[in-house]
Amino acid sequence: MRGFSLVVLSILLVGCGAMRDAFTPRAEVVARANDQALSVERLAAWTSGSKQVPLEALAFNRVSHVWVDYALFAEALATGQNLHDSAMTIASMWPIVSQIKWERFHERLTAHNDLTAQQLDSAYQSGQLRMFQHILIQVAPNAAATVDAQKRKQAEQVLARARTAGPRFGQLAKQYSQDNGSKVQSGSLGVSARGQFVPAFEAAAWQLEPGGVSGVVKSPFGYHIIRRPPLAEVKDSFRVGVEQRVASHTDSVYLDSLAIKRQLKPVSRAPSYVRAAVQDPDASRNSSRVLVGYRGGALRVRDLIRWLSALDPSLAQALPQATDEQINQFLKAVTQRDLLIRDADSAKVGLTPDDWQHVRTQYDSAITLLSSILSVTPTALHDSAGGGTPEARVKFAMARVDDYMDRVLRGRVRFFPVPPFLGETLRDRARWSVDEAGVRRALERAQEIRLASDSTRGGVPGQGGGPRMTPAPGPAPIDTTHRRTGRS
C-alpha cells in the first residue's frame, strides 16, 4: 500500500504529461500537409546549425507553420489546382478587398456631401476653416545669433516682395521657401481649423483677412511669411479640402454610432489576453476567448489575430508595451471596422471592374513571385519532372520546398512568407497539422546535434538566441487562423 502511494506521489510530482509521454512512442513527424510530412530529423537538421532560429519551442513551431504553408502551395502548383478562381482570389486578398468595399461604402455614405457654390462661399466666409500659404526660411533652434540674424534679414527681403505679390505669392514660395512639403503646392498648407499649427504661427495666421500677408513670424522652425488667399484664388482646392473634412466627419460619426448602437465593451482582462496572444499567435489562432462584447456578437482572440495579419506589423509589435487603455481603444477600433465591413456586405457593396483588375493583378503577382522563389513554375515542373505523373511533380515540388527552407534557415537567401490570407485559404482546402510532441522532439534533436558539434570543435555549447527569420520585402507573414487537424 505504501509503494502504491509512492507511485501516486511520483505521478503528481512528475506530471501527467510526462507520464503520458513515457508510454507514448516518440514522435517522428513534426507537421503534415495533406500526404506530405516534415520529419523530426529534417527540422532538427535545418535548425541545429542555423543562426536564424533560436533553440526554442516557439521558434520551431513557427518554422513548422511556414513549412506547412509552402508545402500546401507547392503541392497545389504541382497537382494543377486552380489558384486563380474568384473565390480563391477574394479569400486570399481579403485585406485589399475589404478596404475597397469600405471605400465604396464610404462613397455611398458621403454621396450627398458635394458643396453648392453658395455653401462653399458660406464655408469660406464663416472662417471656421481657412487656407494659408507660407514661405519658410529655416533656422535651427540652437543656431548662432549671427546665423539667426542673417536668416531674419533674408526673410525680410522676401517679405518686401511678398506684400505686393498678390496671386504671385505662390511663385515666391516655390522659389524661396525651405518647406519642401508645401513649396511644391505654391506654399499652400491646405484647409485647416484652429489649433493645427504651432502657437506663434497660429496667432499670426488667424489674424489675417482674405488676401492679407503677415510680417516675419518666428517659430521653432524658422521665419515664416504667411498669406491668407482669397476664395477666388483657391476655390477648387478649398472645396476639395472642406468636402474631405465633411466626409471624414461622416465616417467618424458612423463609426461612433456603431459603438453606441452595438454597445461595444472590452472585457476586464482584455489587455492581458491581447498581450499573451501576440506573444504566441500560432497558439491563439483558434482561441474563442472574448475580447470585446457587443450587442449581437463579440470580437474574439482569433478575430484579432486575423486582423493583425491584415494590419501594419508594427501594431502587433507595439501591443505588448501598450497601456491597458491604449489596448482597449485599439480593440474598439478593430471591432468598429469589423462591424463596418459587415455593414458593407449587408448593403451588398461590390467591386467595380477596375477594382477587380487591381485585385487580380496584385494576387497574380504574389503567385508568380512565390512560384519563382521556389522554382516551381509550370516550365520547371514540366522539364524537371519530365512532364510525368502527378506524384513525380509533387515529389519535385516538395524537394524545392525543402531546398528553399534549408537555404533560408542557413541564412543563404531572404525569407519571403506565403501571404497570410493565401496561406489560410490553402489550409481551409487541405488536411494539415503541427504536432507539439514532434516540435519538442525536433528541439531535443537539434540541441543534441548542436551540442555534439560544439563538443567536436571544443567550443562552448550554443544555446541559440540568434536572430530570427526576417521577412524580406513582399508578401506579408503567414496566417494560420484555421487549423484543421481532424482530417490528418
Protein backbone atom coordinates (compact mmCIF):
# COMPACT_ATOMS: atom_id res chain seq x y z
CA MET A 1 0.00 0.00 0.00
CA ARG A 2 2.87 2.35 0.82
CA GLY A 3 4.51 1.51 -2.52
CA PHE A 4 1.32 2.42 -4.35
CA SER A 5 1.21 5.77 -2.53
CA LEU A 6 4.77 6.50 -3.59
CA VAL A 7 3.85 5.74 -7.20
CA VAL A 8 0.88 8.10 -6.99
CA LEU A 9 3.08 10.78 -5.42
CA SER A 10 5.69 10.41 -8.16
CA ILE A 11 2.99 10.80 -10.79
CA LEU A 12 1.80 14.01 -9.15
CA LEU A 13 5.34 15.35 -8.92
CA VAL A 14 6.38 14.42 -12.46
CA GLY A 15 3.08 15.43 -14.01
CA CYS A 16 0.53 13.72 -16.18
CA GLY A 17 2.17 15.00 -19.36
CA ALA A 18 5.44 13.28 -18.56
CA MET A 19 3.68 10.01 -17.72
CA ARG A 20 1.74 10.20 -20.98
CA ASP A 21 4.96 10.78 -22.92
CA ALA A 22 6.59 7.86 -21.13
CA PHE A 23 4.00 5.44 -22.56
CA THR A 24 3.74 7.14 -25.99
CA PRO A 25 6.02 6.31 -28.95
CA ARG A 26 8.45 9.15 -29.59
CA ALA A 27 7.10 11.46 -32.27
CA GLU A 28 8.88 11.25 -35.62
CA VAL A 29 6.77 13.78 -37.53
CA VAL A 30 6.53 17.49 -36.76
CA ALA A 31 3.97 18.60 -39.33
CA ARG A 32 1.78 17.25 -42.12
CA ALA A 33 0.38 18.92 -45.22
CA ASN A 34 -2.03 16.51 -46.91
CA ASP A 35 0.17 13.48 -47.68
CA GLN A 36 3.45 15.32 -47.12
CA ALA A 37 5.31 15.14 -43.81
CA LEU A 38 8.02 17.17 -42.11
CA SER A 39 10.10 14.77 -40.06
CA VAL A 40 11.72 15.45 -36.72
CA GLU A 41 15.14 14.69 -38.18
CA ARG A 42 14.72 17.07 -41.12
CA LEU A 43 13.63 20.00 -38.95
CA ALA A 44 16.41 19.26 -36.46
CA ALA A 45 18.99 19.16 -39.26
CA TRP A 46 17.76 22.51 -40.63
CA THR A 47 17.77 24.29 -37.30
CA SER A 48 20.71 22.79 -35.43
CA GLY A 49 23.23 24.80 -37.42
CA SER A 50 21.01 27.82 -38.04
CA LYS A 51 21.82 31.23 -36.68
CA GLN A 52 18.39 32.36 -37.87
CA VAL A 53 16.35 30.26 -35.42
CA PRO A 54 16.91 30.12 -31.64
CA LEU A 55 16.61 26.73 -30.00
CA GLU A 56 13.16 27.44 -28.58
CA ALA A 57 9.89 25.57 -28.97
CA LEU A 58 8.06 28.69 -30.14
CA ALA A 59 10.58 29.31 -32.91
CA PHE A 60 10.42 25.66 -34.04
CA ASN A 61 6.64 25.83 -34.05
CA ARG A 62 6.71 28.87 -36.32
CA VAL A 63 9.15 27.24 -38.72
CA SER A 64 6.80 24.26 -38.89
CA HIS A 65 3.89 26.51 -39.82
CA VAL A 66 5.99 28.16 -42.54
CA TRP A 67 6.74 24.72 -43.96
CA VAL A 68 3.01 23.81 -43.96
CA ASP A 69 2.12 26.89 -45.98
CA TYR A 70 4.87 26.34 -48.52
CA ALA A 71 4.15 22.62 -48.78
CA LEU A 72 0.46 23.25 -49.49
CA PHE A 73 1.30 25.96 -52.01
CA ALA A 74 3.85 23.82 -53.84
CA GLU A 75 1.54 20.82 -53.88
CA ALA A 76 -1.28 22.95 -55.31
CA LEU A 77 1.01 24.06 -58.14
CA ALA A 78 2.27 20.53 -58.79
CA THR A 79 -1.21 19.00 -58.96
CA GLY A 80 -2.55 21.72 -61.21
CA GLN A 81 -5.07 23.16 -58.77
CA ASN A 82 -6.77 26.35 -59.96
CA LEU A 83 -5.34 29.07 -57.75
CA HIS A 84 -6.90 31.84 -59.82
CA ASP A 85 -10.64 31.26 -59.39
CA SER A 86 -12.71 34.14 -58.00
CA ALA A 87 -13.39 32.54 -54.61
CA MET A 88 -9.70 31.82 -54.05
CA THR A 89 -8.75 35.32 -55.09
CA ILE A 90 -11.31 37.01 -52.82
CA ALA A 91 -10.35 34.91 -49.80
CA SER A 92 -6.61 35.34 -50.35
CA MET A 93 -6.87 39.10 -50.93
CA TRP A 94 -9.30 39.78 -48.07
CA PRO A 95 -7.48 42.87 -46.70
CA ILE A 96 -7.44 44.62 -50.08
CA VAL A 97 -10.97 43.53 -50.99
CA SER A 98 -12.27 44.75 -47.61
CA GLN A 99 -10.51 48.10 -47.99
CA ILE A 100 -12.05 48.61 -51.43
CA LYS A 101 -15.50 47.66 -50.12
CA TRP A 102 -15.14 50.20 -47.35
CA GLU A 103 -14.16 52.88 -49.87
CA ARG A 104 -17.24 52.10 -51.97
CA PHE A 105 -19.43 52.08 -48.84
CA HIS A 106 -17.84 55.38 -47.80
CA GLU A 107 -18.81 56.84 -51.19
CA ARG A 108 -22.42 55.90 -50.52
CA LEU A 109 -22.37 57.48 -47.08
CA THR A 110 -20.92 60.72 -48.42
CA ALA A 111 -22.72 60.77 -51.79
CA HIS A 112 -24.64 63.96 -50.92
CA ASN A 113 -21.75 65.92 -49.44
CA ASP A 114 -20.88 67.90 -52.58
CA LEU A 115 -20.97 71.61 -51.79
CA THR A 116 -23.00 74.07 -53.81
CA ALA A 117 -21.46 77.43 -54.76
CA GLN A 118 -23.46 79.11 -52.01
CA GLN A 119 -22.39 76.56 -49.39
CA LEU A 120 -18.77 76.92 -50.46
CA ASP A 121 -18.94 80.72 -50.13
CA SER A 122 -20.61 80.41 -46.72
CA ALA A 123 -17.95 77.97 -45.52
CA TYR A 124 -15.19 80.40 -46.52
CA GLN A 125 -16.90 83.45 -45.04
CA SER A 126 -17.60 81.72 -41.71
CA GLY A 127 -13.85 81.41 -41.19
CA GLN A 128 -14.06 78.18 -39.21
CA LEU A 129 -11.97 76.54 -41.91
CA ARG A 130 -9.22 78.51 -43.61
CA MET A 131 -6.43 78.17 -46.11
CA PHE A 132 -2.96 79.64 -45.69
CA GLN A 133 0.18 79.87 -47.80
CA HIS A 134 3.60 80.43 -46.31
CA ILE A 135 7.25 80.88 -47.13
CA LEU A 136 9.66 79.37 -44.60
CA ILE A 137 13.27 80.37 -44.11
CA GLN A 138 14.59 77.61 -41.88
CA VAL A 139 16.65 78.31 -38.78
CA ALA A 140 17.77 75.67 -36.31
CA PRO A 141 16.58 76.36 -32.72
CA ASN A 142 20.20 76.31 -31.50
CA ALA A 143 21.59 78.44 -34.35
CA ALA A 144 24.18 81.06 -33.51
CA ALA A 145 22.94 84.63 -33.15
CA THR A 146 24.77 85.70 -36.31
CA VAL A 147 23.13 82.91 -38.32
CA ASP A 148 19.70 83.77 -36.90
CA ALA A 149 20.15 87.43 -37.80
CA GLN A 150 21.21 86.53 -41.32
CA LYS A 151 18.12 84.33 -41.81
CA ARG A 152 15.81 87.04 -40.48
CA LYS A 153 17.31 89.55 -42.88
CA GLN A 154 16.73 87.09 -45.72
CA ALA A 155 13.08 86.67 -44.67
CA GLU A 156 12.56 90.45 -44.51
CA GLN A 157 13.91 90.83 -48.04
CA VAL A 158 11.43 88.21 -49.29
CA LEU A 159 8.63 89.89 -47.29
CA ALA A 160 9.13 93.16 -49.19
CA ARG A 161 8.25 91.32 -52.41
CA ALA A 162 5.52 89.15 -50.85
CA ARG A 163 3.45 92.14 -49.66
CA THR A 164 2.84 93.24 -53.26
CA ALA A 165 2.87 89.83 -54.96
CA GLY A 166 -0.84 89.08 -54.61
CA PRO A 167 -1.66 85.86 -56.53
CA ARG A 168 2.06 85.55 -57.40
CA PHE A 169 2.84 84.72 -53.74
CA GLY A 170 2.91 81.05 -54.76
CA GLN A 171 5.75 81.72 -57.20
CA LEU A 172 7.80 83.26 -54.41
CA ALA A 173 7.05 80.24 -52.21
CA LYS A 174 8.31 77.87 -54.90
CA GLN A 175 11.43 79.96 -55.29
CA TYR A 176 12.36 80.79 -51.70
CA SER A 177 10.51 78.53 -49.24
CA GLN A 178 12.54 75.84 -47.50
CA ASP A 179 9.44 73.85 -46.51
CA ASN A 180 9.70 71.07 -49.08
CA GLY A 181 6.26 69.73 -48.23
CA SER A 182 4.37 72.89 -49.16
CA LYS A 183 6.59 74.74 -51.63
CA VAL A 184 5.54 72.44 -54.50
CA GLN A 185 1.93 73.41 -53.68
CA SER A 186 2.72 77.14 -54.01
CA GLY A 187 3.22 77.27 -50.25
CA SER A 188 -0.31 76.02 -49.52
CA LEU A 189 -0.91 74.30 -46.18
CA GLY A 190 -4.35 73.03 -47.17
CA VAL A 191 -7.61 73.53 -45.34
CA SER A 192 -7.11 73.90 -41.61
CA ALA A 193 -9.02 74.59 -38.43
CA ARG A 194 -7.79 76.34 -35.29
CA GLY A 195 -5.16 74.53 -33.27
CA GLN A 196 -3.30 72.82 -36.11
CA PHE A 197 -0.14 74.98 -36.07
CA VAL A 198 2.48 75.96 -33.51
CA PRO A 199 1.31 78.90 -31.33
CA ALA A 200 3.37 81.69 -32.94
CA PHE A 201 2.27 80.71 -36.45
CA GLU A 202 -1.32 80.19 -35.30
CA ALA A 203 -1.61 83.60 -33.67
CA ALA A 204 -0.36 85.46 -36.74
CA ALA A 205 -2.23 83.39 -39.35
CA TRP A 206 -5.67 83.65 -37.79
CA GLN A 207 -5.49 87.43 -37.65
CA LEU A 208 -5.26 87.72 -41.43
CA GLU A 209 -8.10 88.93 -43.61
CA PRO A 210 -8.54 87.39 -47.09
CA GLY A 211 -5.58 88.49 -49.21
CA GLY A 212 -3.62 89.61 -46.14
CA VAL A 213 0.10 88.97 -45.61
CA SER A 214 1.75 88.71 -42.19
CA GLY A 215 5.03 90.20 -41.11
CA VAL A 216 8.03 87.97 -40.44
CA VAL A 217 6.92 85.39 -37.84
CA LYS A 218 9.44 83.43 -35.77
CA SER A 219 8.62 79.80 -34.83
CA PRO A 220 10.72 76.81 -33.76
CA PHE A 221 11.09 76.01 -37.48
CA GLY A 222 12.46 79.40 -38.53
CA TYR A 223 10.99 82.55 -40.07
CA HIS A 224 7.60 82.48 -41.81
CA ILE A 225 5.78 84.82 -44.14
CA ILE A 226 2.09 83.89 -44.12
CA ARG A 227 -0.70 84.77 -46.54
CA ARG A 228 -4.42 84.05 -46.50
CA PRO A 229 -5.52 83.73 -50.15
CA PRO A 230 -8.99 84.98 -51.15
CA LEU A 231 -11.60 82.41 -52.18
CA ALA A 232 -11.40 83.28 -55.88
CA GLU A 233 -7.79 82.03 -55.98
CA VAL A 234 -8.35 78.77 -54.12
CA LYS A 235 -11.98 77.87 -54.83
CA ASP A 236 -11.30 74.36 -56.17
CA SER A 237 -8.74 73.33 -53.52
CA PHE A 238 -10.86 74.86 -50.75
CA ARG A 239 -13.88 72.88 -51.98
CA VAL A 240 -11.91 69.61 -52.00
CA GLY A 241 -10.48 70.27 -48.54
CA VAL A 242 -13.85 71.09 -46.99
CA GLU A 243 -15.58 68.11 -48.62
CA GLN A 244 -12.82 65.81 -47.37
CA ARG A 245 -13.29 67.12 -43.84
CA VAL A 246 -17.05 66.64 -44.09
CA ALA A 247 -16.50 63.08 -45.36
CA SER A 248 -14.05 62.35 -42.55
CA HIS A 249 -16.55 63.69 -40.03
CA THR A 250 -19.26 61.49 -41.57
CA ASP A 251 -17.01 58.44 -41.24
CA SER A 252 -16.24 59.30 -37.63
CA VAL A 253 -19.90 59.80 -36.77
CA TYR A 254 -20.80 56.50 -38.45
CA LEU A 255 -18.14 54.58 -36.51
CA ASP A 256 -19.17 56.24 -33.26
CA SER A 257 -22.79 55.30 -33.94
CA LEU A 258 -21.72 51.67 -34.36
CA ALA A 259 -20.07 51.74 -30.93
CA ILE A 260 -23.14 53.27 -29.31
CA LYS A 261 -25.75 51.19 -31.12
CA ARG A 262 -23.92 47.90 -30.55
CA GLN A 263 -22.75 48.82 -27.01
CA LEU A 264 -19.09 47.85 -27.53
CA LYS A 265 -17.30 46.99 -24.29
CA PRO A 266 -13.89 45.31 -23.82
CA VAL A 267 -13.87 42.60 -21.16
CA SER A 268 -11.96 43.37 -17.97
CA ARG A 269 -8.96 41.16 -18.81
CA ALA A 270 -8.80 42.03 -22.50
CA PRO A 271 -5.38 43.76 -22.33
CA SER A 272 -3.71 40.74 -20.70
CA TYR A 273 -5.36 38.40 -23.22
CA VAL A 274 -4.06 40.54 -26.08
CA ARG A 275 -0.50 40.64 -24.75
CA ALA A 276 -0.46 36.86 -24.39
CA ALA A 277 -1.96 36.34 -27.84
CA VAL A 278 0.54 38.49 -29.73
CA GLN A 279 3.44 36.79 -27.97
CA ASP A 280 2.33 33.41 -29.37
CA PRO A 281 -0.08 33.99 -32.29
CA ASP A 282 0.10 30.39 -33.53
CA ALA A 283 -1.34 29.13 -30.25
CA SER A 284 -4.05 31.80 -30.36
CA ARG A 285 -5.40 31.40 -33.89
CA ASN A 286 -8.31 29.23 -32.79
CA SER A 287 -8.98 30.88 -29.43
CA SER A 288 -12.64 31.77 -28.86
CA ARG A 289 -11.84 33.88 -25.80
CA VAL A 290 -13.88 37.11 -25.93
CA LEU A 291 -12.02 40.43 -26.06
CA VAL A 292 -14.88 42.83 -26.84
CA GLY A 293 -18.53 42.10 -26.28
CA TYR A 294 -21.27 43.90 -28.19
CA ARG A 295 -24.94 43.50 -28.93
CA GLY A 296 -25.30 40.58 -31.30
CA GLY A 297 -21.75 39.26 -31.15
CA ALA A 298 -18.17 39.57 -29.93
CA LEU A 299 -14.61 40.15 -31.07
CA ARG A 300 -12.57 37.11 -30.07
CA VAL A 301 -8.86 36.43 -29.86
CA ARG A 302 -8.94 34.54 -33.17
CA ASP A 303 -10.58 37.56 -34.83
CA LEU A 304 -7.87 39.87 -33.53
CA ILE A 305 -5.09 37.58 -34.77
CA ARG A 306 -6.71 37.60 -38.22
CA TRP A 307 -6.97 41.39 -38.23
CA LEU A 308 -3.35 41.76 -37.14
CA SER A 309 -2.35 39.75 -40.20
CA ALA A 310 -4.01 42.42 -42.33
CA LEU A 311 -2.61 45.45 -40.49
CA ASP A 312 0.82 47.02 -40.21
CA PRO A 313 3.11 44.52 -38.38
CA SER A 314 4.36 47.34 -36.17
CA LEU A 315 0.95 47.38 -34.44
CA ALA A 316 1.37 43.84 -33.16
CA GLN A 317 4.92 44.63 -32.08
CA ALA A 318 3.74 47.66 -30.09
CA LEU A 319 0.85 45.96 -28.26
CA PRO A 320 2.85 44.20 -25.51
CA GLN A 321 4.24 47.58 -24.34
CA ALA A 322 0.96 49.49 -24.70
CA THR A 323 -1.10 50.56 -21.68
CA ASP A 324 -4.39 48.87 -20.86
CA GLU A 325 -6.30 51.94 -22.05
CA GLN A 326 -4.40 52.03 -25.36
CA ILE A 327 -5.12 48.35 -25.95
CA ASN A 328 -8.82 48.81 -25.13
CA GLN A 329 -9.07 51.73 -27.56
CA PHE A 330 -7.30 49.67 -30.23
CA LEU A 331 -9.72 46.79 -29.67
CA LYS A 332 -12.70 49.13 -30.01
CA ALA A 333 -11.30 50.47 -33.29
CA VAL A 334 -10.76 46.95 -34.66
CA THR A 335 -14.29 45.94 -33.60
CA GLN A 336 -15.77 49.01 -35.26
CA ARG A 337 -14.02 48.21 -38.51
CA ASP A 338 -15.08 44.59 -38.30
CA LEU A 339 -18.69 45.71 -37.95
CA LEU A 340 -18.23 48.26 -40.70
CA ILE A 341 -17.13 45.57 -43.18
CA ARG A 342 -20.19 43.53 -42.21
CA ASP A 343 -22.40 46.56 -42.85
CA ALA A 344 -20.82 46.98 -46.27
CA ASP A 345 -21.53 43.32 -47.06
CA SER A 346 -25.12 43.69 -45.82
CA ALA A 347 -25.51 46.68 -48.13
CA LYS A 348 -24.29 44.43 -50.96
CA VAL A 349 -21.36 46.69 -51.75
CA GLY A 350 -19.39 45.16 -54.61
CA LEU A 351 -16.24 45.80 -56.59
CA THR A 352 -16.16 47.61 -59.91
CA PRO A 353 -14.44 46.01 -62.95
CA ASP A 354 -11.44 48.29 -62.33
CA ASP A 355 -11.36 47.19 -58.68
CA TRP A 356 -11.33 43.55 -59.76
CA GLN A 357 -8.49 44.18 -62.18
CA HIS A 358 -6.48 45.79 -59.40
CA VAL A 359 -7.11 42.87 -57.02
CA ARG A 360 -6.33 40.21 -59.61
CA THR A 361 -3.12 41.94 -60.70
CA GLN A 362 -1.79 42.02 -57.15
CA TYR A 363 -2.88 38.44 -56.49
CA ASP A 364 -1.34 37.10 -59.70
CA SER A 365 1.89 38.95 -58.88
CA ALA A 366 2.05 37.25 -55.47
CA ILE A 367 1.50 33.79 -57.00
CA THR A 368 4.15 34.42 -59.65
CA LEU A 369 6.64 35.67 -57.05
CA LEU A 370 6.18 32.64 -54.79
CA SER A 371 6.41 30.21 -57.72
CA SER A 372 9.63 31.86 -58.81
CA ILE A 373 11.11 31.80 -55.31
CA LEU A 374 10.54 28.05 -55.08
CA SER A 375 11.42 27.45 -58.76
CA VAL A 376 8.13 25.57 -59.07
CA THR A 377 6.97 27.27 -62.24
CA PRO A 378 4.94 25.43 -64.91
CA THR A 379 8.09 25.21 -67.06
CA ALA A 380 10.19 23.84 -64.20
CA LEU A 381 7.52 21.28 -63.31
CA HIS A 382 7.33 20.09 -66.91
CA ASP A 383 11.08 19.99 -67.54
CA SER A 384 12.44 18.77 -64.19
CA ALA A 385 9.65 16.28 -63.54
CA GLY A 386 9.77 15.17 -67.14
CA GLY A 387 6.15 16.12 -67.54
CA GLY A 388 5.50 12.86 -65.75
CA THR A 389 2.95 11.65 -63.22
CA PRO A 390 1.32 13.88 -60.61
CA GLU A 391 3.30 12.01 -57.98
CA ALA A 392 6.58 12.87 -59.75
CA ARG A 393 5.62 16.53 -59.99
CA VAL A 394 4.67 16.64 -56.29
CA LYS A 395 7.95 14.97 -55.36
CA PHE A 396 9.87 17.57 -57.37
CA ALA A 397 7.89 20.44 -55.83
CA MET A 398 8.46 19.19 -52.28
CA ALA A 399 12.19 18.87 -52.96
CA ARG A 400 12.17 22.53 -53.95
CA VAL A 401 10.35 23.44 -50.72
CA ASP A 402 12.90 21.55 -48.63
CA ASP A 403 15.78 23.18 -50.50
CA TYR A 404 14.30 26.66 -50.01
CA MET A 405 13.67 26.08 -46.28
CA ASP A 406 17.21 24.78 -45.85
CA ARG A 407 18.71 27.84 -47.56
CA VAL A 408 16.52 30.27 -45.61
CA LEU A 409 17.38 28.72 -42.25
CA ARG A 410 21.07 28.74 -43.09
CA GLY A 411 20.89 32.41 -43.97
CA ARG A 412 21.71 31.94 -47.65
CA VAL A 413 18.56 33.54 -49.07
CA ARG A 414 15.99 36.06 -47.88
CA PHE A 415 12.73 34.83 -46.41
CA PHE A 416 9.52 35.52 -48.36
CA PRO A 417 6.50 34.19 -46.41
CA VAL A 418 3.33 32.97 -48.07
CA PRO A 419 0.84 35.88 -47.80
CA PRO A 420 -1.28 35.31 -44.69
CA PHE A 421 -4.71 35.00 -46.26
CA LEU A 422 -3.44 32.86 -49.13
CA GLY A 423 -1.97 30.52 -46.52
CA GLU A 424 -5.25 30.50 -44.63
CA THR A 425 -7.22 29.69 -47.78
CA LEU A 426 -4.88 26.86 -48.74
CA ARG A 427 -5.26 25.36 -45.25
CA ASP A 428 -9.04 25.59 -45.45
CA ARG A 429 -8.90 23.32 -48.50
CA ALA A 430 -6.42 20.83 -47.11
CA ARG A 431 -5.54 18.39 -44.32
CA TRP A 432 -2.76 19.69 -42.15
CA SER A 433 -1.40 19.64 -38.61
CA VAL A 434 1.53 20.68 -36.47
CA ASP A 435 2.28 18.22 -33.68
CA GLU A 436 3.51 19.69 -30.39
CA ALA A 437 5.21 16.47 -29.38
CA GLY A 438 7.01 16.44 -32.72
CA VAL A 439 8.11 20.03 -32.20
CA ARG A 440 9.52 19.18 -28.76
CA ARG A 441 11.31 16.14 -30.16
CA ALA A 442 12.82 18.17 -33.02
CA LEU A 443 14.03 20.74 -30.49
CA GLU A 444 15.67 17.98 -28.42
CA ARG A 445 17.37 16.53 -31.50
CA ALA A 446 18.60 19.96 -32.64
CA GLN A 447 20.06 20.56 -29.18
CA GLU A 448 21.77 17.15 -29.28
CA ILE A 449 23.21 17.83 -32.73
CA ARG A 450 24.43 21.30 -31.78
CA LEU A 451 25.96 20.03 -28.53
CA ALA A 452 27.79 17.29 -30.39
CA SER A 453 29.03 19.79 -32.96
CA ASP A 454 30.21 22.23 -30.28
CA SER A 455 31.95 19.44 -28.39
CA THR A 456 33.75 18.30 -31.53
CA ARG A 457 35.01 21.85 -32.14
CA GLY A 458 35.93 22.23 -28.47
CA GLY A 459 33.70 25.30 -28.11
CA VAL A 460 31.08 26.25 -25.61
CA PRO A 461 27.73 24.64 -26.40
CA GLY A 462 25.44 27.15 -28.07
CA GLN A 463 22.10 27.85 -26.61
CA GLY A 464 20.52 29.58 -29.59
CA GLY A 465 19.28 33.10 -29.30
CA GLY A 466 20.46 34.14 -32.77
CA PRO A 467 18.42 36.43 -34.99
CA ARG A 468 15.03 35.20 -36.05
CA MET A 469 13.93 34.78 -39.65
CA THR A 470 13.37 38.27 -41.03
CA PRO A 471 10.79 38.60 -43.80
CA ALA A 472 12.03 40.21 -46.99
CA PRO A 473 10.00 42.90 -48.73
CA GLY A 474 6.99 41.32 -50.43
CA PRO A 475 4.20 39.07 -49.15
CA ALA A 476 3.14 39.52 -45.54
CA PRO A 477 3.79 36.98 -42.74
CA ILE A 478 1.85 33.71 -42.78
CA ASP A 479 -1.58 33.38 -41.19
CA THR A 480 -2.80 30.06 -39.80
CA THR A 481 -6.16 31.05 -38.38
CA HIS A 482 -8.00 27.86 -39.28
CA ARG A 483 -6.05 24.90 -38.06
CA ARG A 484 -7.53 21.67 -39.40
CA THR A 485 -6.36 18.56 -37.65
CA GLY A 486 -9.45 16.41 -37.72
CA ARG A 487 -8.68 15.02 -41.15
CA SER A 488 -4.99 14.38 -40.60
